[in-house]
Protein backbone atom coordinates (compact mmCIF):
# COMPACT_ATOMS: atom_id res chain seq x y z
CA MET A 1 0.00 0.00 0.00
CA PRO A 2 1.47 3.38 -0.99
CA LEU A 3 2.11 6.12 1.46
CA SER A 4 -0.76 8.20 2.81
CA LEU A 5 1.53 11.17 3.49
CA LYS A 6 1.52 13.60 0.58
CA LEU A 7 4.89 14.18 -1.03
CA LYS A 8 5.58 16.94 -3.50
CA GLU A 9 6.40 15.93 -7.07
CA LYS A 10 9.99 17.12 -6.64
CA GLN A 11 10.40 14.84 -3.61
CA VAL A 12 9.04 11.86 -5.56
CA GLN A 13 11.38 12.69 -8.46
CA ASN A 14 14.33 12.68 -6.05
CA ILE A 15 13.26 9.33 -4.62
CA ILE A 16 12.98 7.80 -8.09
CA PHE A 17 16.34 9.25 -9.12
CA HIS A 18 18.18 7.96 -6.04
CA SER A 19 16.42 4.58 -6.10
CA TYR A 20 16.63 3.72 -9.80
CA LEU A 21 18.40 6.27 -11.98
CA THR A 22 21.82 7.03 -10.48
CA ASN A 23 23.49 4.69 -12.97
CA HIS A 24 21.69 6.10 -16.03
CA ILE A 25 23.51 8.21 -18.62
CA ILE A 26 21.16 11.14 -18.10
CA SER A 27 17.94 11.79 -16.16
CA VAL A 28 15.90 14.92 -16.79
CA PRO A 29 12.97 16.04 -14.61
CA ASN A 30 10.03 18.03 -15.98
CA THR A 31 11.01 18.16 -19.60
CA MET A 32 8.81 19.11 -22.52
CA SER A 33 11.02 19.35 -25.56
CA VAL A 34 12.41 15.86 -26.08
CA CYS A 35 9.37 13.63 -26.67
CA GLY A 36 6.88 16.28 -27.71
CA TRP A 37 4.94 16.07 -24.44
CA GLU A 38 5.60 16.89 -20.80
CA SER A 39 7.40 14.14 -18.88
CA ASP A 40 7.89 14.11 -15.12
CA ILE A 41 11.21 12.27 -15.59
CA LEU A 42 12.96 11.05 -18.73
CA SER A 43 16.09 8.96 -18.42
CA VAL A 44 18.47 7.12 -20.72
CA ASN A 45 20.05 3.99 -19.27
CA TYR A 46 23.36 2.44 -20.34
CA THR A 47 21.66 0.21 -22.91
CA ARG A 48 20.56 3.53 -24.47
CA TYR A 49 16.88 2.87 -23.82
CA LEU A 50 14.66 5.83 -22.98
CA ASN A 51 12.43 5.53 -19.89
CA GLU A 52 9.55 7.84 -19.02
CA TYR A 53 8.30 8.12 -15.43
CA GLU A 54 4.85 9.63 -14.95
CA ILE A 55 4.14 10.69 -11.35
CA LYS A 56 0.49 10.56 -10.31
CA VAL A 57 -0.71 12.34 -7.18
CA ASN A 58 -4.21 10.89 -6.87
CA TYR A 59 -6.50 8.34 -8.44
CA ASN A 60 -8.34 10.85 -10.67
CA ASP A 61 -4.99 12.14 -11.94
CA PHE A 62 -4.05 8.54 -12.78
CA LYS A 63 -7.34 7.86 -14.61
CA ASN A 64 -7.22 11.17 -16.52
CA ASP A 65 -3.69 10.47 -17.71
CA ALA A 66 -5.04 7.81 -20.09
CA LEU A 67 -6.78 10.62 -22.03
CA LYS A 68 -3.47 12.22 -23.05
CA TYR A 69 -2.55 11.80 -26.72
CA LYS A 70 0.84 10.24 -25.90
CA HIS A 71 -0.94 7.03 -24.89
CA ILE A 72 -1.91 6.49 -28.54
CA TYR A 73 1.80 5.86 -29.20
CA TYR A 74 2.04 3.45 -26.31
CA LYS A 75 -1.09 1.48 -27.29
CA ASP A 76 -0.28 1.14 -31.00
CA GLU A 77 3.26 -0.11 -30.59
CA GLY A 78 3.52 -1.95 -33.91
CA ARG A 79 2.34 0.88 -36.17
CA TYR A 80 5.26 3.28 -36.11
CA THR A 81 8.57 3.46 -37.95
CA PRO A 82 11.92 3.65 -36.11
CA LYS A 83 11.93 7.41 -36.79
CA ASP A 84 8.62 7.74 -34.93
CA TYR A 85 10.06 5.66 -32.09
CA MET A 86 12.82 8.20 -31.52
CA MET A 87 10.27 10.36 -29.74
CA MET A 88 8.68 7.46 -27.87
CA PRO A 89 10.25 5.98 -24.73
CA ASN A 90 11.24 2.32 -24.71
CA ARG A 91 9.62 1.87 -21.30
CA PHE A 92 6.81 3.80 -19.61
CA TRP A 93 6.33 3.78 -15.83
CA TYR A 94 3.59 5.08 -13.55
CA VAL A 95 4.87 6.27 -10.17
CA ILE A 96 2.30 6.64 -7.42
CA HIS A 97 2.76 7.58 -3.77
CA SER A 98 -0.45 8.49 -1.98
CA PHE A 99 -3.07 6.06 -3.29
CA SER A 100 -3.20 2.55 -4.70
CA VAL A 101 -4.39 0.99 -7.93
CA GLU A 102 -5.09 -2.56 -8.94
CA ILE A 103 -2.52 -4.14 -11.24
CA ALA A 104 -5.37 -4.77 -13.72
CA GLU A 105 -5.81 -0.97 -14.03
CA ILE A 106 -2.26 -0.53 -15.31
CA PRO A 107 -2.20 -0.60 -19.11
CA PRO A 108 -0.24 -3.50 -20.65
CA TYR A 109 2.40 -1.06 -21.98
CA ALA A 110 3.14 0.47 -18.53
CA GLY A 111 5.05 -0.42 -15.40
CA LEU A 112 4.18 0.61 -11.85
CA ILE A 113 6.34 1.87 -9.01
CA TYR A 114 4.95 2.54 -5.53
CA VAL A 115 6.73 5.12 -3.37
CA TYR A 116 6.09 4.32 0.29
CA ASP A 117 8.13 7.05 1.98
CA GLU A 118 11.26 9.13 1.48
CA PHE A 119 13.47 6.02 1.54
CA ASN A 120 11.36 3.12 0.28
CA SER A 121 9.86 2.35 -3.09
CA GLU A 122 9.07 -0.83 -4.97
CA ILE A 123 8.61 -1.92 -8.56
CA ILE A 124 5.17 -3.55 -8.53
CA LYS A 125 5.01 -4.21 -12.27
CA LYS A 126 8.02 -4.02 -14.57
CA ALA A 127 7.46 -1.86 -17.63
CA PRO A 128 7.63 -3.93 -20.82
CA LEU A 129 10.04 -3.04 -23.60
CA LEU A 130 7.87 -1.19 -26.15
CA HIS A 131 10.47 -1.19 -28.93
CA LYS A 132 14.18 -1.86 -29.37
CA THR A 133 15.23 1.36 -31.08
CA LYS A 134 18.04 2.89 -29.05
CA VAL A 135 18.48 6.60 -28.60
CA THR A 136 21.27 8.22 -30.55
CA ALA A 137 24.07 10.46 -29.34
CA ASP A 138 22.18 13.37 -30.96
CA PHE A 139 19.11 12.55 -28.87
CA ILE A 140 21.16 12.46 -25.66
CA GLU A 141 22.75 15.77 -26.67
CA LYS A 142 19.26 17.25 -27.19
CA MET A 143 18.25 16.12 -23.68
CA THR A 144 21.46 17.59 -22.24
CA ARG A 145 20.96 20.89 -24.07
CA SER A 146 17.36 21.08 -22.84
CA GLN A 147 18.43 20.51 -19.24
CA ASN A 148 21.32 22.95 -19.57
CA LYS A 149 19.01 25.75 -20.76
CA LYS A 150 16.57 24.98 -17.96
CA PHE A 151 19.34 25.08 -15.34
CA TRP A 152 20.60 28.48 -16.47
CA LYS A 153 17.09 29.92 -16.71
CA GLN A 154 16.32 28.82 -13.13
CA ARG A 155 19.64 30.20 -11.97
CA ASP A 156 18.93 33.53 -13.67
CA ASN A 157 15.49 33.65 -12.02
CA LYS A 158 17.06 33.09 -8.57
CA ASN A 159 19.66 35.79 -9.22
CA MET A 160 16.89 38.15 -10.34
CA TYR A 161 15.04 37.45 -7.05
CA VAL A 162 18.21 38.28 -5.07
CA ARG A 163 18.67 41.53 -7.00
CA ARG A 164 15.02 42.50 -6.45
CA HIS A 165 14.67 41.52 -2.80
CA GLY A 166 18.20 41.69 -1.48
CA ALA A 167 20.26 38.98 0.14
CA LYS A 168 19.12 39.91 3.68
CA SER A 169 15.46 39.20 2.93
CA ILE A 170 16.42 35.79 1.50
CA LEU A 171 18.51 34.96 4.57
CA LYS A 172 15.58 35.94 6.76
CA GLU A 173 13.11 33.93 4.64
CA TYR A 174 15.19 30.77 5.02
CA ASN A 175 16.14 31.42 8.68
CA PHE A 176 19.85 31.67 7.93
CA GLU A 177 20.35 34.35 10.59
CA GLN A 178 19.85 31.57 13.17
CA ILE A 179 22.92 29.82 11.77
CA ARG A 180 24.96 32.99 12.11
CA ASN A 181 24.05 33.46 15.82
């Protein structure tokens, strides 16, 4: 049974990264540009297979996910050319942490990971291999470039906040003056 305590998506992403993805070539949270749709986590493992991890926060969120157009690709696995597959992950995983689902509710093309708490998770159903087309070096470079741009944009936004509000207000907001005393 998954955890009843609500975790934020970022916390769940960290748990998945530290539990399963530390040995992958690259793992990118919250990316939009690589597959053509938003992914909570995309990762490339050392066999050069692309994995997508979709984090669901409640049962309705899980059920509504099936309405997204990306699931057409997952359902119709035999219809597409290798070029089409370059934008489709080799494995698709649902990650849930605050509710449970029956295994029968998981589509045949998907795996399931339960997150129990900050330190424990379990693969309930292994995601099947949807195709054997491996990602190219260009694809990995595209993921890296996407993450690089995102990093610098976030960094610029934080620097802009410091310039607008001043370092003292940030120290106060995060209780850093207690450390100084």
